[in-house]
Amino acid sequence: MRDGGLDWRDGGLGTRVRVALWLRDEVGEGNTFKKRALRLAIPGSEQVDRRMRDLRPAGWVIKTYRDKPSLKADELYLEKIGVPIWEKERRATGLRQISSRTRRSVYERDLHMCRRCGVAAGEAYPGEPGSRARLTLGHVNPHKSGSGSSPADLITECARCNETVRHLTGPQMTSEQVWDRIKELPLRHKKDLLLWMAADARAQTDTERAWGMYRQLPGELREGIKRDLEVLLES
């Protein structure tokens, strides 16, 4: 028990604060835990999972098996403790509200693909067949103070890119390294890249757009679409 006696067992505290304290005191950075353990620790709250996810915008890095293939499906990994939201003056940190309508609009505008790396919802990362991309929303200027929550301020990001951009934890390539990669591209691809740079967006083919829309569907609906396409091509 720390911070003036605050305890995650105190039912008078908000669920988000209790979850943060439990993670800090019972799990700790660099350790794994199970959702079931969290639910047992803080019973009677149907929103405990959501309150845990609400910690991410406050700088907490909590990874699932989709982000870290070595984890089991029921395991999570507390990589980093972020803002101490149990402090009264910080309890609203990361709680900027984005309406479901805005969220849906941004996902549809970005074709359900990460605008930073191009991965689609549920798609495996290159070279990591066991991984699965999970989409979220990020800010166009993530480090700009007072960034808004309108569609113009938001972009679709996968969870990996979102954490990397926000916390700068990923390896940053030098301009020389980027230029070396560009020089190795075939001429046609160099021209495509220049067009993307000019538009500050990656142009997508109709097939890529259809793929992004397909990936955001629930599994059973994807199977139906797949069967319909197989029948169409056989006819």
Foldseek 3Di string as FASTA:
>chain_A
DDDVPDALQDPVDDLLLSLLRCCVPVANAFGKDFVVVVCVSPDPDPCNVVSPVLCVQQPWDKAACQVPVVDDRGMIHGHDRGDNLNPPVNVCRSVADADPVQFVVQCLVQLQAAQPPGHHAQDHDVPGRSHGWHKDKAFPPNPDPPQDRGSVGIHIHTPVVRSCVNVVPDDDDDPVVVVVVLVPDPPVVNVQVVVCVVVVGRDDDPVSSVVNNLNVDPPVVNVVVVVVVVVVVVD
